[in-house]
C-alpha cells in the first residue's frame, strides 16, 4: 500500500507541476501574441506611411501635368485630367475641396491685387488645384482674391474633372 500511496502522491505532484507549467506557457503565449499583434499593427502603419511617401514624387509630377491640362481646352484634356485625378485618388491623394472662400490652412494666396492681406472667409478664385494625402496637405491650392461681386459672378468655373 505504501507503494501505491507514494505513486499516487508522486503522480499528483507531477500533475500539479505540469498544470503549473501549462498555465505559465499559456500566459507566455498570450503575451507573445499581444506583442506580435502590436508589432504587426506598427508594421502595417509604417508600410502605409512608406507607400504614401514613395507615391509623392510621382504624384507631384502628375500635379504639374494636371495643371497643364486644366489650362488646355477640350474634351481630351478634360478626360485625361479626370483619369489622372482618379489615379491620384487610388494612391490616397485627393484634391483640396473648398467653398470658394479663403482658408489659409489649404490656400496659398497669389500676390493680392489690393496689397491688403486676405482674411479667412473672403471670396477667392482658384488658380491651381491643391492636394492632400489624408489629413496632410501635400500642395496648397493657389488662389487669388476676387476684387468685386461682378467679377465673382464672371469667375472661371472650378477646374475640370472633379467638382
N, C-alpha and C. Protein backbone atom coordinates (compact mmCIF):
# COMPACT_ATOMS: atom_id res chain seq x y z
N UNK A 1 0.81 -1.18 0.00
CA UNK A 1 0.00 0.00 0.00
C UNK A 1 0.86 1.26 0.00
N UNK A 2 1.94 1.17 0.64
CA UNK A 2 2.85 2.30 0.71
C UNK A 2 3.29 2.69 -0.69
N UNK A 3 3.52 1.71 -1.48
CA UNK A 3 3.96 1.98 -2.83
C UNK A 3 2.87 2.68 -3.64
N UNK A 4 1.63 2.24 -3.43
CA UNK A 4 0.53 2.87 -4.13
C UNK A 4 0.35 4.31 -3.70
N UNK A 5 0.45 4.58 -2.44
CA UNK A 5 0.30 5.92 -1.92
C UNK A 5 1.43 6.81 -2.41
N UNK A 6 2.64 6.27 -2.43
CA UNK A 6 3.78 7.03 -2.92
C UNK A 6 3.64 7.35 -4.40
N UNK A 7 3.19 6.35 -5.17
CA UNK A 7 2.99 6.55 -6.60
C UNK A 7 1.91 7.59 -6.84
N UNK A 8 0.81 7.50 -6.09
CA UNK A 8 -0.28 8.44 -6.22
C UNK A 8 0.19 9.85 -5.86
N UNK A 9 0.91 9.97 -4.79
CA UNK A 9 1.43 11.27 -4.37
C UNK A 9 2.40 11.82 -5.41
N UNK A 10 3.25 10.95 -5.92
CA UNK A 10 4.21 11.35 -6.93
C UNK A 10 3.49 11.83 -8.19
N UNK A 11 2.46 11.06 -8.62
CA UNK A 11 1.69 11.44 -9.81
C UNK A 11 0.94 12.75 -9.59
N UNK A 12 0.38 12.91 -8.41
CA UNK A 12 -0.33 14.15 -8.10
C UNK A 12 0.62 15.33 -8.16
N UNK A 13 1.82 15.16 -7.62
CA UNK A 13 2.81 16.23 -7.66
C UNK A 13 3.20 16.57 -9.10
N UNK A 14 3.37 15.53 -9.90
CA UNK A 14 3.72 15.76 -11.31
C UNK A 14 2.59 16.46 -12.06
N UNK A 15 1.36 16.07 -11.76
CA UNK A 15 0.20 16.71 -12.40
C UNK A 15 0.14 18.18 -12.01
N UNK A 16 0.38 18.50 -10.76
CA UNK A 16 0.38 19.89 -10.29
C UNK A 16 1.48 20.67 -11.02
N UNK A 17 2.67 20.08 -11.12
CA UNK A 17 3.79 20.73 -11.80
C UNK A 17 3.47 20.97 -13.28
N UNK A 18 2.90 19.94 -13.93
CA UNK A 18 2.54 20.08 -15.35
C UNK A 18 1.45 21.13 -15.55
N UNK A 19 0.47 21.14 -14.68
CA UNK A 19 -0.61 22.13 -14.77
C UNK A 19 -0.04 23.53 -14.63
N UNK A 20 0.87 23.70 -13.67
CA UNK A 20 1.50 25.00 -13.49
C UNK A 20 2.33 25.38 -14.72
N UNK A 21 3.04 24.42 -15.29
CA UNK A 21 3.83 24.66 -16.50
C UNK A 21 2.93 25.07 -17.67
N UNK A 22 1.81 24.37 -17.84
CA UNK A 22 0.88 24.71 -18.92
C UNK A 22 0.32 26.12 -18.74
N UNK A 23 -0.04 26.48 -17.52
CA UNK A 23 -0.57 27.83 -17.26
C UNK A 23 0.46 28.90 -17.60
N UNK A 24 1.70 28.67 -17.15
CA UNK A 24 2.75 29.65 -17.44
C UNK A 24 2.98 29.77 -18.94
N UNK A 25 2.97 28.63 -19.62
CA UNK A 25 3.19 28.68 -21.08
C UNK A 25 2.02 29.36 -21.80
N UNK A 26 0.80 29.12 -21.34
CA UNK A 26 -0.36 29.79 -21.94
C UNK A 26 -0.26 31.30 -21.73
N UNK A 27 0.10 31.72 -20.52
CA UNK A 27 0.27 33.15 -20.26
C UNK A 27 1.38 33.73 -21.12
N UNK A 28 2.46 32.99 -21.24
CA UNK A 28 3.59 33.43 -22.05
C UNK A 28 3.17 33.53 -23.53
N UNK A 29 2.41 32.53 -23.99
CA UNK A 29 1.92 32.55 -25.38
C UNK A 29 1.00 33.75 -25.62
N UNK A 30 0.15 34.07 -24.65
CA UNK A 30 -0.74 35.22 -24.78
C UNK A 30 0.06 36.52 -24.86
N UNK A 31 1.08 36.63 -24.02
CA UNK A 31 1.93 37.82 -24.04
C UNK A 31 2.65 37.93 -25.38
N UNK A 32 3.16 36.82 -25.87
CA UNK A 32 3.85 36.83 -27.16
C UNK A 32 2.89 37.20 -28.28
N UNK A 33 1.65 36.71 -28.22
CA UNK A 33 0.66 37.05 -29.24
C UNK A 33 0.33 38.53 -29.20
N UNK A 34 0.19 39.11 -28.00
CA UNK A 34 -0.07 40.54 -27.87
C UNK A 34 1.08 41.35 -28.47
N UNK A 35 2.30 40.93 -28.17
CA UNK A 35 3.48 41.63 -28.70
C UNK A 35 3.52 41.50 -30.22
N UNK A 36 3.22 40.31 -30.73
CA UNK A 36 3.19 40.09 -32.18
C UNK A 36 2.12 40.97 -32.83
N UNK A 37 0.94 41.01 -32.24
CA UNK A 37 -0.15 41.83 -32.78
C UNK A 37 0.24 43.32 -32.80
N UNK A 38 0.89 43.78 -31.74
CA UNK A 38 1.32 45.18 -31.68
C UNK A 38 2.37 45.47 -32.76
N UNK A 39 3.30 44.55 -32.94
CA UNK A 39 4.33 44.74 -33.97
C UNK A 39 3.72 44.71 -35.36
N UNK A 40 2.77 43.83 -35.58
CA UNK A 40 2.11 43.73 -36.88
C UNK A 40 1.33 45.02 -37.18
N UNK A 41 0.66 45.54 -36.18
CA UNK A 41 -0.08 46.79 -36.34
C UNK A 41 0.87 47.93 -36.68
N UNK A 42 2.00 48.00 -35.99
CA UNK A 42 3.00 49.03 -36.26
C UNK A 42 3.58 48.87 -37.66
N UNK A 43 3.86 47.64 -38.06
CA UNK A 43 4.38 47.38 -39.41
C UNK A 43 3.38 47.84 -40.46
N UNK A 44 2.12 47.55 -40.27
CA UNK A 44 1.07 47.96 -41.21
C UNK A 44 1.02 49.48 -41.32
N UNK A 45 1.10 50.17 -40.18
CA UNK A 45 1.08 51.62 -40.17
C UNK A 45 2.30 52.20 -40.88
N UNK A 46 3.47 51.66 -40.59
CA UNK A 46 4.70 52.16 -41.21
C UNK A 46 4.71 51.86 -42.70
N UNK A 47 4.22 50.70 -43.09
CA UNK A 47 4.15 50.34 -44.50
C UNK A 47 3.25 51.31 -45.26
N UNK A 48 2.09 51.61 -44.70
CA UNK A 48 1.17 52.55 -45.35
C UNK A 48 1.80 53.92 -45.46
N UNK A 49 2.52 54.33 -44.42
CA UNK A 49 3.18 55.63 -44.45
C UNK A 49 4.28 55.63 -45.52
N UNK A 50 5.04 54.55 -45.59
CA UNK A 50 6.13 54.47 -46.58
C UNK A 50 5.57 54.45 -48.00
N UNK A 51 4.48 53.73 -48.21
CA UNK A 51 3.88 53.70 -49.54
C UNK A 51 3.43 55.10 -49.95
N UNK A 52 2.87 55.84 -49.00
CA UNK A 52 2.46 57.21 -49.28
C UNK A 52 3.64 58.09 -49.62
N UNK A 53 4.73 57.93 -48.89
CA UNK A 53 5.94 58.72 -49.15
C UNK A 53 6.53 58.37 -50.51
N UNK A 54 6.46 57.10 -50.89
CA UNK A 54 7.00 56.69 -52.18
C UNK A 54 6.16 57.21 -53.33
N UNK A 55 4.87 57.39 -53.10
CA UNK A 55 3.97 57.86 -54.15
C UNK A 55 4.09 59.36 -54.39
N UNK A 56 4.56 60.11 -53.39
CA UNK A 56 4.56 61.57 -53.50
C UNK A 56 5.42 62.13 -54.65
N UNK A 57 6.63 61.63 -54.89
CA UNK A 57 7.39 62.20 -56.02
C UNK A 57 6.65 62.06 -57.36
N UNK A 58 6.06 60.90 -57.59
CA UNK A 58 5.29 60.70 -58.82
C UNK A 58 4.06 61.60 -58.81
N UNK A 59 3.39 61.67 -57.68
CA UNK A 59 2.18 62.49 -57.58
C UNK A 59 2.50 63.96 -57.88
N UNK A 60 3.62 64.45 -57.38
CA UNK A 60 3.98 65.85 -57.63
C UNK A 60 4.17 66.11 -59.12
N UNK A 61 4.70 65.14 -59.84
CA UNK A 61 4.84 65.30 -61.30
C UNK A 61 3.47 65.28 -61.97
N UNK A 62 2.58 64.43 -61.47
CA UNK A 62 1.22 64.35 -62.01
C UNK A 62 0.48 65.67 -61.74
N UNK A 63 0.74 66.31 -60.59
CA UNK A 63 0.10 67.61 -60.31
C UNK A 63 0.42 68.60 -61.43
N UNK A 64 1.67 68.61 -61.87
CA UNK A 64 2.07 69.56 -62.92
C UNK A 64 1.39 69.24 -64.25
N UNK A 65 1.24 67.95 -64.54
CA UNK A 65 0.53 67.55 -65.77
C UNK A 65 -0.92 68.00 -65.70
N UNK A 66 -1.55 67.80 -64.54
CA UNK A 66 -2.94 68.22 -64.37
C UNK A 66 -3.05 69.75 -64.52
N UNK A 67 -2.08 70.48 -63.96
CA UNK A 67 -2.10 71.95 -64.11
C UNK A 67 -2.10 72.33 -65.59
N UNK A 68 -1.26 71.67 -66.37
CA UNK A 68 -1.19 71.97 -67.80
C UNK A 68 -2.48 71.58 -68.50
N UNK A 69 -3.05 70.44 -68.14
CA UNK A 69 -4.30 70.01 -68.75
C UNK A 69 -5.45 70.94 -68.38
N UNK A 70 -5.45 71.45 -67.15
CA UNK A 70 -6.50 72.39 -66.73
C UNK A 70 -6.48 73.64 -67.61
N UNK A 71 -5.31 74.02 -68.09
CA UNK A 71 -5.18 75.21 -68.93
C UNK A 71 -5.43 74.92 -70.40
N UNK A 72 -5.69 73.65 -70.73
CA UNK A 72 -5.89 73.24 -72.12
C UNK A 72 -7.37 72.98 -72.36
N UNK A 73 -7.97 73.68 -73.33
CA UNK A 73 -9.39 73.45 -73.61
C UNK A 73 -9.59 72.11 -74.34
N UNK A 74 -10.77 71.56 -74.21
CA UNK A 74 -11.12 70.39 -74.99
C UNK A 74 -11.49 69.18 -74.15
N UNK A 75 -12.23 68.29 -74.80
CA UNK A 75 -12.72 67.09 -74.13
C UNK A 75 -11.59 66.12 -73.78
N UNK A 76 -10.59 66.03 -74.65
CA UNK A 76 -9.48 65.11 -74.38
C UNK A 76 -8.74 65.53 -73.11
N UNK A 77 -8.46 66.81 -72.98
CA UNK A 77 -7.78 67.32 -71.78
C UNK A 77 -8.62 67.04 -70.54
N UNK A 78 -9.92 67.26 -70.65
CA UNK A 78 -10.82 67.02 -69.52
C UNK A 78 -10.84 65.54 -69.15
N UNK A 79 -10.88 64.67 -70.14
CA UNK A 79 -10.90 63.23 -69.89
C UNK A 79 -9.59 62.77 -69.24
N UNK A 80 -8.47 63.26 -69.77
CA UNK A 80 -7.17 62.89 -69.20
C UNK A 80 -7.04 63.38 -67.76
N UNK A 81 -7.52 64.60 -67.52
CA UNK A 81 -7.47 65.16 -66.17
C UNK A 81 -8.26 64.27 -65.22
N UNK A 82 -9.45 63.89 -65.63
CA UNK A 82 -10.29 63.05 -64.78
C UNK A 82 -9.61 61.71 -64.46
N UNK A 83 -8.97 61.12 -65.47
CA UNK A 83 -8.26 59.85 -65.24
C UNK A 83 -7.08 60.03 -64.28
N UNK A 84 -6.35 61.11 -64.43
CA UNK A 84 -5.21 61.35 -63.53
C UNK A 84 -5.68 61.63 -62.10
N UNK A 85 -6.77 62.37 -61.96
CA UNK A 85 -7.32 62.63 -60.63
C UNK A 85 -7.77 61.31 -59.99
N UNK A 86 -8.39 60.42 -60.78
CA UNK A 86 -8.80 59.12 -60.27
C UNK A 86 -7.59 58.29 -59.84
N UNK A 87 -6.49 58.36 -60.63
CA UNK A 87 -5.27 57.62 -60.27
C UNK A 87 -4.69 58.15 -58.96
N UNK A 88 -4.71 59.47 -58.78
CA UNK A 88 -4.23 60.05 -57.53
C UNK A 88 -5.11 59.60 -56.36
N UNK A 89 -6.42 59.60 -56.58
CA UNK A 89 -7.34 59.13 -55.54
C UNK A 89 -7.01 57.70 -55.13
N UNK A 90 -6.69 56.86 -56.10
CA UNK A 90 -6.35 55.47 -55.81
C UNK A 90 -5.07 55.37 -54.96
N UNK A 91 -4.21 56.38 -55.05
CA UNK A 91 -2.98 56.41 -54.25
C UNK A 91 -3.21 57.11 -52.91
N UNK A 92 -4.45 57.51 -52.65
CA UNK A 92 -4.77 58.17 -51.39
C UNK A 92 -4.50 59.66 -51.40
N UNK A 93 -4.36 60.23 -52.59
CA UNK A 93 -4.10 61.66 -52.72
C UNK A 93 -5.33 62.29 -53.36
N UNK A 94 -5.92 63.23 -52.66
CA UNK A 94 -7.16 63.83 -53.17
C UNK A 94 -7.05 65.34 -53.26
N UNK A 95 -7.90 65.89 -54.11
CA UNK A 95 -7.91 67.33 -54.31
C UNK A 95 -8.46 68.04 -53.07
N UNK A 96 -7.87 69.18 -52.75
CA UNK A 96 -8.37 70.01 -51.65
C UNK A 96 -9.69 70.62 -52.10
N UNK A 97 -10.71 70.42 -51.33
CA UNK A 97 -12.04 70.97 -51.62
C UNK A 97 -12.23 72.24 -50.82
N UNK A 98 -12.88 73.22 -51.40
CA UNK A 98 -13.19 74.43 -50.67
C UNK A 98 -14.52 74.97 -51.15
N UNK A 99 -15.02 75.95 -50.44
CA UNK A 99 -16.32 76.54 -50.77
C UNK A 99 -16.15 77.88 -51.48
N UNK A 100 -14.97 78.10 -52.07
CA UNK A 100 -14.74 79.37 -52.75
C UNK A 100 -14.38 80.49 -51.79
N UNK A 101 -14.04 80.13 -50.56
CA UNK A 101 -13.67 81.13 -49.55
C UNK A 101 -12.25 80.85 -49.08
N UNK A 102 -11.51 81.90 -48.81
CA UNK A 102 -10.10 81.76 -48.43
C UNK A 102 -9.93 81.04 -47.10
N UNK A 103 -9.06 80.02 -47.11
CA UNK A 103 -8.71 79.27 -45.91
C UNK A 103 -7.19 79.15 -45.91
N UNK A 104 -6.52 79.90 -45.07
CA UNK A 104 -5.05 79.91 -45.09
C UNK A 104 -4.42 78.55 -44.80
N UNK A 105 -5.18 77.62 -44.23
CA UNK A 105 -4.61 76.30 -43.94
C UNK A 105 -4.49 75.43 -45.19
N UNK A 106 -5.21 75.77 -46.27
CA UNK A 106 -5.14 74.97 -47.51
C UNK A 106 -4.91 75.80 -48.76
N UNK A 107 -4.87 77.12 -48.61
CA UNK A 107 -4.68 78.01 -49.76
C UNK A 107 -3.39 78.80 -49.65
N UNK A 108 -2.76 79.01 -50.80
CA UNK A 108 -1.63 79.91 -50.91
C UNK A 108 -2.12 81.08 -51.75
N UNK A 109 -1.99 82.27 -51.24
CA UNK A 109 -2.52 83.45 -51.90
C UNK A 109 -1.53 83.99 -52.93
N UNK A 110 -1.99 84.09 -54.16
CA UNK A 110 -1.21 84.75 -55.21
C UNK A 110 -1.21 86.23 -54.87
N UNK A 111 -0.13 86.92 -55.11
CA UNK A 111 0.01 88.32 -54.73
C UNK A 111 -1.32 89.06 -54.79
N UNK A 112 -1.80 89.56 -53.66
CA UNK A 112 -3.09 90.25 -53.65
C UNK A 112 -3.04 91.53 -54.48
N UNK A 113 -4.09 91.74 -55.28
CA UNK A 113 -4.16 92.91 -56.16
C UNK A 113 -4.25 94.20 -55.35
N UNK A 114 -4.90 94.15 -54.21
CA UNK A 114 -5.10 95.36 -53.41
C UNK A 114 -3.90 95.65 -52.52
N UNK A 115 -3.01 94.72 -52.38
CA UNK A 115 -1.88 94.89 -51.48
C UNK A 115 -2.27 94.60 -50.04
N UNK A 116 -3.54 94.38 -49.79
CA UNK A 116 -4.03 94.06 -48.46
C UNK A 116 -4.01 92.55 -48.27
N UNK A 117 -3.67 92.09 -47.09
CA UNK A 117 -3.74 90.64 -46.85
C UNK A 117 -5.19 90.16 -46.89
N UNK A 118 -5.37 88.95 -47.32
CA UNK A 118 -6.72 88.38 -47.43
C UNK A 118 -7.06 87.68 -46.13
N UNK A 119 -8.23 87.97 -45.60
CA UNK A 119 -8.67 87.34 -44.35
C UNK A 119 -9.40 86.04 -44.67
N UNK A 120 -9.35 85.13 -43.72
CA UNK A 120 -10.07 83.86 -43.87
C UNK A 120 -11.54 84.14 -44.13
N UNK A 121 -12.13 83.38 -45.04
CA UNK A 121 -13.55 83.50 -45.34
C UNK A 121 -13.88 84.45 -46.46
N UNK A 122 -12.89 85.16 -47.00
CA UNK A 122 -13.17 86.07 -48.11
C UNK A 122 -13.23 85.28 -49.42
N UNK A 123 -14.01 85.78 -50.41
CA UNK A 123 -14.16 85.07 -51.68
C UNK A 123 -12.83 84.97 -52.44
N UNK A 124 -12.64 83.84 -53.08
CA UNK A 124 -11.42 83.60 -53.84
C UNK A 124 -11.75 82.98 -55.20
N UNK A 125 -10.76 83.01 -56.04
CA UNK A 125 -10.82 82.33 -57.33
C UNK A 125 -9.62 81.38 -57.35
N UNK A 126 -9.88 80.11 -57.62
CA UNK A 126 -8.80 79.12 -57.62
C UNK A 126 -7.99 79.25 -58.91
N UNK A 127 -6.67 79.33 -58.76
CA UNK A 127 -5.76 79.42 -59.90
C UNK A 127 -5.15 78.06 -60.19
N UNK A 128 -4.87 77.31 -59.13
CA UNK A 128 -4.25 75.99 -59.27
C UNK A 128 -4.78 75.09 -58.16
N UNK A 129 -5.01 73.83 -58.49
CA UNK A 129 -5.55 72.88 -57.53
C UNK A 129 -4.56 72.62 -56.39
N UNK A 130 -5.13 72.30 -55.24
CA UNK A 130 -4.34 71.87 -54.10
C UNK A 130 -4.60 70.39 -53.86
N UNK A 131 -3.67 69.74 -53.15
CA UNK A 131 -3.77 68.29 -52.94
C UNK A 131 -3.44 67.93 -51.50
N UNK A 132 -4.11 66.90 -51.00
CA UNK A 132 -3.83 66.39 -49.66
C UNK A 132 -3.77 64.86 -49.70
N UNK A 133 -3.01 64.34 -48.76
CA UNK A 133 -2.93 62.89 -48.57
C UNK A 133 -3.39 62.62 -47.14
N UNK A 134 -4.61 62.14 -47.02
CA UNK A 134 -5.21 62.01 -45.69
C UNK A 134 -5.40 63.40 -45.11
N UNK A 135 -4.89 63.61 -43.91
CA UNK A 135 -5.02 64.94 -43.29
C UNK A 135 -3.81 65.83 -43.61
N UNK A 136 -2.84 65.29 -44.32
CA UNK A 136 -1.61 66.04 -44.62
C UNK A 136 -1.76 66.82 -45.93
N UNK A 137 -1.50 68.11 -45.88
CA UNK A 137 -1.53 68.94 -47.08
C UNK A 137 -0.25 68.70 -47.86
N UNK A 138 -0.39 68.25 -49.11
CA UNK A 138 0.77 67.96 -49.95
C UNK A 138 1.13 69.20 -50.78
N UNK A 139 0.12 69.89 -51.29
CA UNK A 139 0.34 71.13 -52.03
C UNK A 139 -0.87 72.03 -51.82
N UNK A 140 -0.61 73.24 -51.39
CA UNK A 140 -1.70 74.21 -51.17
C UNK A 140 -2.28 74.63 -52.51
N UNK A 141 -3.57 74.90 -52.51
CA UNK A 141 -4.21 75.43 -53.71
C UNK A 141 -3.78 76.89 -53.86
N UNK A 142 -3.42 77.26 -55.07
CA UNK A 142 -3.03 78.64 -55.35
C UNK A 142 -4.30 79.40 -55.70
N UNK A 143 -4.55 80.50 -54.98
CA UNK A 143 -5.79 81.26 -55.17
C UNK A 143 -5.47 82.74 -55.27
N UNK A 144 -6.45 83.48 -55.78
CA UNK A 144 -6.35 84.93 -55.78
C UNK A 144 -7.67 85.48 -55.27
N UNK A 145 -7.60 86.68 -54.72
CA UNK A 145 -8.80 87.31 -54.19
C UNK A 145 -9.68 87.78 -55.33
N UNK A 146 -10.98 87.68 -55.11
CA UNK A 146 -11.92 88.26 -56.07
C UNK A 146 -12.06 89.72 -55.70
N UNK A 147 -12.00 90.57 -56.71
CA UNK A 147 -11.97 92.02 -56.42
C UNK A 147 -13.33 92.66 -56.33
N UNK A 148 -14.33 92.09 -56.97
CA UNK A 148 -15.67 92.69 -56.88
C UNK A 148 -16.72 91.62 -57.07
N UNK A 149 -17.96 91.88 -56.58
CA UNK A 149 -19.02 90.89 -56.76
C UNK A 149 -19.28 90.57 -58.22
N UNK A 150 -19.16 91.57 -59.11
CA UNK A 150 -19.43 91.30 -60.53
C UNK A 150 -18.37 90.36 -61.09
N UNK A 151 -17.13 90.51 -60.62
CA UNK A 151 -16.07 89.61 -61.07
C UNK A 151 -16.32 88.20 -60.54
N UNK A 152 -16.88 88.10 -59.34
CA UNK A 152 -17.16 86.79 -58.77
C UNK A 152 -18.17 86.03 -59.62
N UNK A 153 -19.17 86.76 -60.14
CA UNK A 153 -20.17 86.12 -60.99
C UNK A 153 -19.56 85.67 -62.30
N UNK A 154 -18.53 86.39 -62.77
CA UNK A 154 -17.90 86.05 -64.04
C UNK A 154 -16.72 85.10 -63.88
N UNK A 155 -16.39 84.75 -62.64
CA UNK A 155 -15.18 83.97 -62.40
C UNK A 155 -15.24 82.64 -63.15
N UNK A 156 -14.07 82.16 -63.46
CA UNK A 156 -13.97 80.89 -64.17
C UNK A 156 -14.58 79.78 -63.35
N UNK A 157 -15.13 78.78 -64.02
CA UNK A 157 -15.67 77.64 -63.27
C UNK A 157 -14.52 76.89 -62.61
N UNK A 158 -14.82 76.04 -61.61
CA UNK A 158 -13.75 75.30 -60.95
C UNK A 158 -13.04 74.41 -61.97
N UNK A 159 -11.82 74.00 -61.68
CA UNK A 159 -11.07 73.17 -62.61
C UNK A 159 -11.89 71.97 -63.06
N UNK A 160 -11.63 71.58 -64.30
CA UNK A 160 -12.36 70.44 -64.85
C UNK A 160 -12.00 69.16 -64.10
N UNK A 161 -12.78 68.14 -64.35
CA UNK A 161 -12.51 66.85 -63.73
C UNK A 161 -13.51 66.60 -62.62
N UNK A 162 -13.06 66.80 -61.39
CA UNK A 162 -13.94 66.54 -60.24
C UNK A 162 -14.43 67.86 -59.67
N UNK A 163 -15.66 67.85 -59.21
CA UNK A 163 -16.22 69.04 -58.60
C UNK A 163 -16.52 68.81 -57.16
